[in-house]
Amino acid sequence: MQVPDALLLAGSGLLAGAVNAVAGGGSLILFPTLVATGYGTLEANVTNSVALWPGFVGGVVGFRRELAGQRARAISLSITAAAGSAVGCVLLLATPPSAFDVVVPFLVLAASLLLAAQPRVSTLVGPPSADHRANARVLYPAVGLAAVYGGYFGGALGVILLGVLALTVHDTLRRLNALKAALSLVVASVTVVAFGLFGPVDWAAVAIIAPAALAGGFLGARVARRLNDRALRWAVVVFGVVVAVLLFLRSR
């Protein structure tokens, strides 16, 4: 690997880890960077999933105060998220790379649009309440389906999870964001095991990206209360739409 490519991947990993902690959508930064440096879409996807895992760890550590008091909720939803992520991993590894090449532009576009809709979804969060019970008939299937998506592709998974939680759980957005970080870590952990054992992971790229993602995730969570993420969100949205178009043209 050339030094400029290594520096580009490290910088993308740092930024992706921070974006995942703050707003979600970090994969929309790292995935196309891997493709741009010569990786195929399937290899880029699995390498992206494994390399960003430390970033989710850093995010959870940074959100530990907001996770206080959510232990039971986090554990029960984590079981659903783990099962859904495993299904998504199997779907990805069981389908030919050509199928992923066809689907991935639409996944990137859908994830980008979901990221754009995040503020509207966030306005649906009600004020803090002593009763934090969720609508289980909606919440658990929705988290499970989001985790299937996360195991298969994962771009902007955090946005999807935050939208699901915002629509079904009465709590502050800050605490829901922390819960989203914990569930994202669970999904990422399953993908690390599945792709690490059976996927075409480029471990040299992982060694470069992972430490940067860890630092980015921790720093992103620490500044999430103060950072104005509107410009960041729209930059990722525009970036994701452009990437979706380029990937679509590439697959033709």
Protein backbone atom coordinates (compact mmCIF):
# COMPACT_ATOMS: atom_id res chain seq x y z
CA MET A 1 0.00 0.00 0.00
CA GLN A 2 1.30 3.43 -0.95
CA VAL A 3 1.89 5.99 1.81
CA PRO A 4 -0.68 8.49 0.41
CA ASP A 5 -3.34 5.76 0.37
CA ALA A 6 -2.48 4.77 3.94
CA LEU A 7 -2.75 8.37 5.12
CA LEU A 8 -6.05 8.78 3.30
CA LEU A 9 -7.46 5.64 4.93
CA ALA A 10 -6.27 6.72 8.39
CA GLY A 11 -7.83 10.15 7.99
CA SER A 12 -11.07 8.66 6.72
CA GLY A 13 -11.14 6.23 9.65
CA LEU A 14 -10.69 9.06 12.15
CA LEU A 15 -13.45 11.11 10.56
CA ALA A 16 -15.77 8.10 10.15
CA GLY A 17 -15.38 7.15 13.81
CA ALA A 18 -16.23 10.70 14.89
CA VAL A 19 -19.19 10.97 12.51
CA ASN A 20 -20.62 7.65 13.74
CA ALA A 21 -20.49 8.89 17.33
CA VAL A 22 -21.97 12.31 16.58
CA ALA A 23 -24.56 11.75 13.87
CA GLY A 24 -24.15 8.35 12.22
CA GLY A 25 -23.10 7.78 8.63
CA GLY A 26 -19.37 7.23 9.04
CA SER A 27 -19.44 4.26 6.68
CA LEU A 28 -20.46 6.65 3.91
CA ILE A 29 -17.03 8.23 4.33
CA LEU A 30 -14.80 5.18 4.76
CA PHE A 31 -16.52 2.80 2.31
CA PRO A 32 -16.08 5.01 -0.78
CA THR A 33 -12.53 5.85 0.31
CA LEU A 34 -11.70 2.14 0.26
CA VAL A 35 -13.31 1.81 -3.17
CA ALA A 36 -11.37 4.84 -4.41
CA THR A 37 -8.08 3.30 -3.27
CA GLY A 38 -8.68 0.18 -5.35
CA TYR A 39 -10.79 -2.22 -3.29
CA GLY A 40 -13.77 -4.06 -4.76
CA THR A 41 -17.14 -3.19 -3.26
CA LEU A 42 -17.52 -6.46 -1.34
CA GLU A 43 -13.98 -6.34 0.04
CA ALA A 44 -14.41 -2.66 0.87
CA ASN A 45 -17.67 -3.36 2.70
CA VAL A 46 -16.35 -6.14 4.94
CA THR A 47 -13.07 -4.29 5.59
CA ASN A 48 -15.07 -1.17 6.43
CA SER A 49 -17.22 -3.11 8.92
CA VAL A 50 -14.25 -4.67 10.71
CA ALA A 51 -12.07 -1.56 10.72
CA LEU A 52 -14.74 0.71 12.24
CA TRP A 53 -15.45 -1.61 15.19
CA PRO A 54 -13.01 0.20 17.53
CA GLY A 55 -14.77 3.45 16.70
CA PHE A 56 -18.01 2.09 18.13
CA VAL A 57 -16.12 1.04 21.27
CA GLY A 58 -14.78 4.56 21.62
CA GLY A 59 -18.26 5.98 21.13
CA VAL A 60 -19.78 3.79 23.86
CA VAL A 61 -17.00 4.75 26.28
CA GLY A 62 -17.61 8.41 25.51
CA PHE A 63 -21.36 8.02 26.09
CA ARG A 64 -21.06 6.06 29.35
CA ARG A 65 -22.82 8.77 31.40
CA GLU A 66 -25.82 8.79 29.05
CA LEU A 67 -25.99 4.98 29.17
CA ALA A 68 -26.40 4.99 32.95
CA GLY A 69 -29.79 3.56 33.91
CA GLN A 70 -30.38 1.88 30.53
CA ARG A 71 -28.83 -1.49 31.32
CA ALA A 72 -32.00 -3.61 31.05
CA ARG A 73 -33.15 -1.86 27.89
CA ALA A 74 -29.74 -2.15 26.27
CA ILE A 75 -29.35 -5.85 27.08
CA SER A 76 -32.77 -6.90 25.74
CA LEU A 77 -32.38 -4.90 22.53
CA SER A 78 -28.80 -6.12 22.08
CA ILE A 79 -30.00 -9.72 21.80
CA THR A 80 -32.34 -8.73 18.98
CA ALA A 81 -29.62 -6.66 17.31
CA ALA A 82 -27.13 -9.53 17.45
CA ALA A 83 -29.56 -11.96 15.85
CA GLY A 84 -30.47 -9.52 13.08
CA SER A 85 -26.84 -8.70 12.37
CA ALA A 86 -26.00 -12.40 12.01
CA VAL A 87 -28.75 -12.78 9.41
CA GLY A 88 -27.42 -9.79 7.49
CA CYS A 89 -23.89 -11.18 7.48
CA VAL A 90 -25.10 -14.52 6.15
CA LEU A 91 -27.05 -12.78 3.38
CA LEU A 92 -23.97 -10.81 2.33
CA LEU A 93 -21.59 -13.77 2.35
CA ALA A 94 -24.10 -16.11 0.67
CA THR A 95 -24.81 -13.84 -2.29
CA PRO A 96 -22.35 -13.33 -5.17
CA PRO A 97 -20.28 -10.10 -5.26
CA SER A 98 -22.09 -9.11 -8.46
CA ALA A 99 -25.36 -8.96 -6.52
CA PHE A 100 -23.78 -6.64 -3.96
CA ASP A 101 -22.46 -4.42 -6.77
CA VAL A 102 -26.03 -3.99 -8.02
CA VAL A 103 -27.59 -3.34 -4.62
CA VAL A 104 -24.95 -1.16 -2.93
CA PRO A 105 -25.65 2.13 -4.82
CA PHE A 106 -29.27 2.00 -3.71
CA LEU A 107 -28.25 1.16 -0.14
CA VAL A 108 -25.89 4.15 -0.05
CA LEU A 109 -28.59 6.42 -1.48
CA ALA A 110 -31.20 5.15 0.99
CA ALA A 111 -28.79 5.62 3.90
CA SER A 112 -27.99 9.15 2.75
CA LEU A 113 -31.67 10.09 2.54
CA LEU A 114 -32.25 8.64 6.00
CA LEU A 115 -29.41 10.76 7.29
CA ALA A 116 -31.02 13.82 5.71
CA ALA A 117 -34.30 12.98 7.46
CA GLN A 118 -32.70 12.61 10.88
CA PRO A 119 -33.68 16.08 12.20
CA ARG A 120 -37.32 15.52 11.27
CA VAL A 121 -37.29 12.16 13.05
CA SER A 122 -35.60 13.70 16.06
CA THR A 123 -38.44 16.19 16.50
CA LEU A 124 -40.75 13.25 17.23
CA VAL A 125 -38.92 12.49 20.47
CA GLY A 126 -41.12 13.40 23.40
CA PRO A 127 -39.97 15.04 26.62
CA PRO A 128 -38.30 12.91 29.30
CA SER A 129 -40.76 10.70 31.12
CA ALA A 130 -40.63 8.43 34.15
CA ASP A 131 -42.23 5.72 32.02
CA HIS A 132 -39.63 4.62 29.47
CA ARG A 133 -41.45 1.47 28.33
CA ALA A 134 -41.30 1.03 24.58
CA ASN A 135 -43.87 -0.40 22.21
CA ALA A 136 -42.27 -3.84 22.05
CA ARG A 137 -44.40 -5.06 19.12
CA VAL A 138 -42.89 -2.30 16.97
CA LEU A 139 -39.55 -1.68 18.64
CA TYR A 140 -38.05 -5.18 18.61
CA PRO A 141 -38.94 -6.14 15.01
CA ALA A 142 -37.76 -2.72 13.82
CA VAL A 143 -34.43 -3.04 15.64
CA GLY A 144 -34.07 -6.56 14.26
CA LEU A 145 -34.62 -5.41 10.67
CA ALA A 146 -32.23 -2.49 11.15
CA ALA A 147 -29.62 -4.94 12.42
CA VAL A 148 -30.12 -7.15 9.34
CA TYR A 149 -29.35 -4.08 7.25
CA GLY A 150 -26.35 -3.36 9.50
CA GLY A 151 -24.95 -6.84 9.01
CA TYR A 152 -25.42 -6.64 5.25
CA PHE A 153 -24.14 -3.11 4.59
CA GLY A 154 -24.36 -0.83 7.62
CA GLY A 155 -24.01 2.59 6.00
CA ALA A 156 -25.84 5.07 8.26
CA LEU A 157 -27.04 2.24 10.50
CA GLY A 158 -26.84 4.66 13.43
CA VAL A 159 -29.33 6.95 11.72
CA ILE A 160 -31.76 4.07 11.17
CA LEU A 161 -31.44 2.90 14.78
CA LEU A 162 -31.86 6.41 16.15
CA GLY A 163 -34.97 6.89 14.03
CA VAL A 164 -36.45 3.62 15.30
CA LEU A 165 -35.67 4.49 18.92
CA ALA A 166 -37.00 8.03 18.53
CA LEU A 167 -40.31 6.74 17.23
CA THR A 168 -40.82 4.04 19.86
CA VAL A 169 -38.98 5.01 23.07
CA HIS A 170 -39.81 8.04 25.23
CA ASP A 171 -36.50 9.49 26.35
CA THR A 172 -34.16 12.37 25.63
CA LEU A 173 -32.41 12.33 22.27
CA ARG A 174 -29.04 12.39 24.04
CA ARG A 175 -29.77 9.15 25.89
CA LEU A 176 -31.25 7.54 22.78
CA ASN A 177 -28.09 8.47 20.89
CA ALA A 178 -26.06 6.67 23.55
CA LEU A 179 -28.32 3.61 23.29
CA LYS A 180 -27.91 3.74 19.51
CA ALA A 181 -24.14 3.68 20.00
CA ALA A 182 -24.39 0.57 22.19
CA LEU A 183 -26.61 -1.27 19.69
CA SER A 184 -24.31 -0.26 16.83
CA LEU A 185 -21.41 -1.77 18.75
CA VAL A 186 -23.33 -5.05 19.08
CA VAL A 187 -24.06 -5.16 15.35
CA ALA A 188 -20.45 -4.28 14.55
CA SER A 189 -19.16 -6.99 16.90
CA VAL A 190 -21.15 -9.67 15.09
CA THR A 191 -19.86 -8.47 11.72
CA VAL A 192 -16.27 -8.53 12.99
CA VAL A 193 -16.60 -12.19 13.95
CA ALA A 194 -18.47 -13.23 10.80
CA PHE A 195 -16.38 -11.28 8.31
CA GLY A 196 -13.14 -11.93 10.17
CA LEU A 197 -13.69 -15.68 9.82
CA PHE A 198 -15.39 -15.89 6.43
CA GLY A 199 -15.09 -12.54 4.62
CA PRO A 200 -12.38 -11.10 2.31
CA VAL A 201 -11.05 -8.66 4.92
CA ASP A 202 -7.88 -6.70 4.10
CA TRP A 203 -6.16 -6.81 7.48
CA ALA A 204 -3.43 -4.37 6.44
CA ALA A 205 -6.10 -1.73 5.87
CA VAL A 206 -7.76 -2.65 9.16
CA ALA A 207 -4.47 -2.15 11.00
CA ILE A 208 -4.26 1.38 9.60
CA ILE A 209 -7.91 2.39 10.02
CA ALA A 210 -8.86 0.79 13.35
CA PRO A 211 -6.69 2.91 15.71
CA ALA A 212 -7.82 6.08 13.94
CA ALA A 213 -11.47 5.00 14.19
CA LEU A 214 -11.07 4.32 17.92
CA ALA A 215 -9.71 7.81 18.51
CA GLY A 216 -12.39 9.34 16.30
CA GLY A 217 -15.21 7.52 18.07
CA PHE A 218 -14.06 8.59 21.50
CA LEU A 219 -13.47 12.20 20.50
CA GLY A 220 -16.75 12.36 18.57
CA ALA A 221 -18.75 11.21 21.59
CA ARG A 222 -16.97 13.67 23.87
CA VAL A 223 -17.84 16.66 21.71
CA ALA A 224 -21.33 15.50 20.68
CA ARG A 225 -22.98 17.81 23.23
CA ARG A 226 -21.28 20.90 21.81
CA LEU A 227 -20.75 20.20 18.12
CA ASN A 228 -23.16 21.74 15.64
CA ASP A 229 -23.71 18.69 13.48
CA ARG A 230 -26.04 20.25 10.90
CA ALA A 231 -23.26 21.15 8.46
CA LEU A 232 -21.57 17.80 9.11
CA ARG A 233 -24.80 15.90 8.48
CA TRP A 234 -25.47 17.62 5.17
CA ALA A 235 -21.89 17.23 4.04
CA VAL A 236 -22.21 13.48 4.56
CA VAL A 237 -25.61 13.45 2.81
CA VAL A 238 -24.27 15.23 -0.27
CA PHE A 239 -21.17 13.05 -0.20
CA GLY A 240 -23.29 9.90 0.03
CA VAL A 241 -25.57 10.88 -2.84
CA VAL A 242 -22.58 11.61 -5.07
CA VAL A 243 -21.03 8.29 -4.14
CA ALA A 244 -24.30 6.46 -4.85
CA VAL A 245 -24.44 7.98 -8.32
CA LEU A 246 -20.80 7.12 -9.03
CA LEU A 247 -21.25 3.54 -7.80
CA PHE A 248 -24.37 3.17 -9.92
CA LEU A 249 -22.48 4.33 -13.00
CA ARG A 250 -19.59 2.01 -12.11
CA SER A 251 -21.93 -0.99 -11.90
CA ARG A 252 -23.46 -0.38 -15.32
